[in-house]
Amino acid sequence: MPDNKQKMKAYWKKNLMTLLFLLLIWFTVSFGFGILLVDQLNAIKIGGFKLGFWFAQQGSIYVFVILIFVYVYRMNKLDKEFDVNEE
């Protein structure tokens, strides 16, 4: 049993590291690009829209959806690595 407990601790640690990394990206895109750096990003235009405005309105949503797929992919990989997958 002690080996299983260590295995689950390692699994949980990798899970938390994945979560922290994805949350850091989420925070950077939503708060950093959408609020803090909006003036600097507004100097760049894409398709006639200022980049800061685009991140605040559309870009952050796209990044959030991508992060969901990255999390699912990473967790499936982690589940297989630790043999706790559902398949």
Protein backbone atom coordinates (compact mmCIF):
# COMPACT_ATOMS: atom_id res chain seq x y z
CA MET A 1 0.00 0.00 0.00
CA PRO A 2 2.75 2.57 0.69
CA ASP A 3 3.81 2.35 -2.96
CA ASN A 4 0.26 3.13 -4.07
CA LYS A 5 0.14 6.12 -1.72
CA GLN A 6 3.37 7.51 -3.19
CA LYS A 7 2.01 6.93 -6.67
CA MET A 8 -1.14 8.88 -5.88
CA LYS A 9 0.89 11.72 -4.33
CA ALA A 10 2.96 11.94 -7.51
CA TYR A 11 -0.22 11.91 -9.59
CA TRP A 12 -1.77 14.68 -7.52
CA LYS A 13 1.43 16.75 -7.66
CA LYS A 14 1.52 16.55 -11.47
CA ASN A 15 -2.19 17.34 -11.60
CA LEU A 16 -1.68 20.46 -9.47
CA MET A 17 1.30 21.57 -11.57
CA THR A 18 -0.85 21.27 -14.70
CA LEU A 19 -3.63 23.27 -13.05
CA LEU A 20 -1.26 25.99 -11.86
CA PHE A 21 0.35 26.32 -15.29
CA LEU A 22 -3.02 26.58 -17.05
CA LEU A 23 -4.35 29.03 -14.46
CA LEU A 24 -1.26 31.19 -14.96
CA ILE A 25 -1.97 31.31 -18.69
CA TRP A 26 -5.64 32.06 -17.96
CA PHE A 27 -4.71 34.93 -15.61
CA THR A 28 -2.14 36.35 -18.04
CA VAL A 29 -4.55 36.39 -20.95
CA SER A 30 -7.64 37.64 -19.11
CA PHE A 31 -6.22 40.07 -16.55
CA GLY A 32 -2.84 40.82 -18.09
CA PHE A 33 -3.77 41.24 -21.75
CA GLY A 34 -7.37 42.34 -21.22
CA ILE A 35 -6.79 44.89 -18.43
CA LEU A 36 -3.18 45.64 -17.50
CA LEU A 37 -1.54 45.69 -20.94
CA VAL A 38 -4.56 46.88 -22.92
CA ASP A 39 -3.03 50.28 -23.76
CA GLN A 40 0.19 48.75 -25.10
CA LEU A 41 -1.69 46.09 -27.05
CA ASN A 42 -4.07 48.67 -28.52
CA ALA A 43 -1.14 50.06 -30.50
CA ILE A 44 -1.35 46.87 -32.61
CA LYS A 45 -4.29 46.37 -34.93
CA ILE A 46 -5.54 43.08 -36.34
CA GLY A 47 -8.36 43.14 -38.87
CA GLY A 48 -9.13 46.77 -38.01
CA PHE A 49 -9.54 46.03 -34.29
CA LYS A 50 -7.13 47.03 -31.56
CA LEU A 51 -5.40 43.98 -30.10
CA GLY A 52 -6.14 44.93 -26.48
CA PHE A 53 -9.83 45.26 -27.26
CA TRP A 54 -9.76 41.96 -29.15
CA PHE A 55 -8.20 40.13 -26.20
CA ALA A 56 -10.71 41.63 -23.79
CA GLN A 57 -13.69 40.72 -26.00
CA GLN A 58 -12.78 37.64 -28.04
CA GLY A 59 -9.23 36.45 -27.57
CA SER A 60 -9.56 35.49 -23.94
CA ILE A 61 -12.60 33.34 -24.73
CA TYR A 62 -10.70 31.49 -27.46
CA VAL A 63 -7.77 30.93 -25.11
CA PHE A 64 -10.11 29.61 -22.37
CA VAL A 65 -11.62 27.06 -24.75
CA ILE A 66 -8.15 25.98 -25.90
CA LEU A 67 -7.11 25.61 -22.24
CA ILE A 68 -10.04 23.24 -21.66
CA PHE A 69 -8.87 20.98 -24.49
CA VAL A 70 -5.27 21.16 -23.25
CA TYR A 71 -6.41 20.18 -19.75
CA VAL A 72 -8.43 17.21 -21.05
CA TYR A 73 -5.49 16.04 -23.19
CA ARG A 74 -3.00 16.43 -20.34
CA MET A 75 -5.23 14.67 -17.81
CA ASN A 76 -5.88 11.74 -20.16
CA LYS A 77 -2.14 11.41 -20.65
CA LEU A 78 -1.54 11.66 -16.90
CA ASP A 79 -4.25 9.07 -16.18
CA LYS A 80 -2.62 6.61 -18.56
CA GLU A 81 0.83 7.31 -17.08
CA PHE A 82 -0.42 6.45 -13.57
CA ASP A 83 -2.80 3.71 -14.77
CA VAL A 84 -5.94 5.36 -13.42
CA ASN A 85 -7.62 5.84 -16.80
CA GLU A 86 -11.21 4.79 -17.37
CA GLU A 87 -10.58 2.72 -20.49
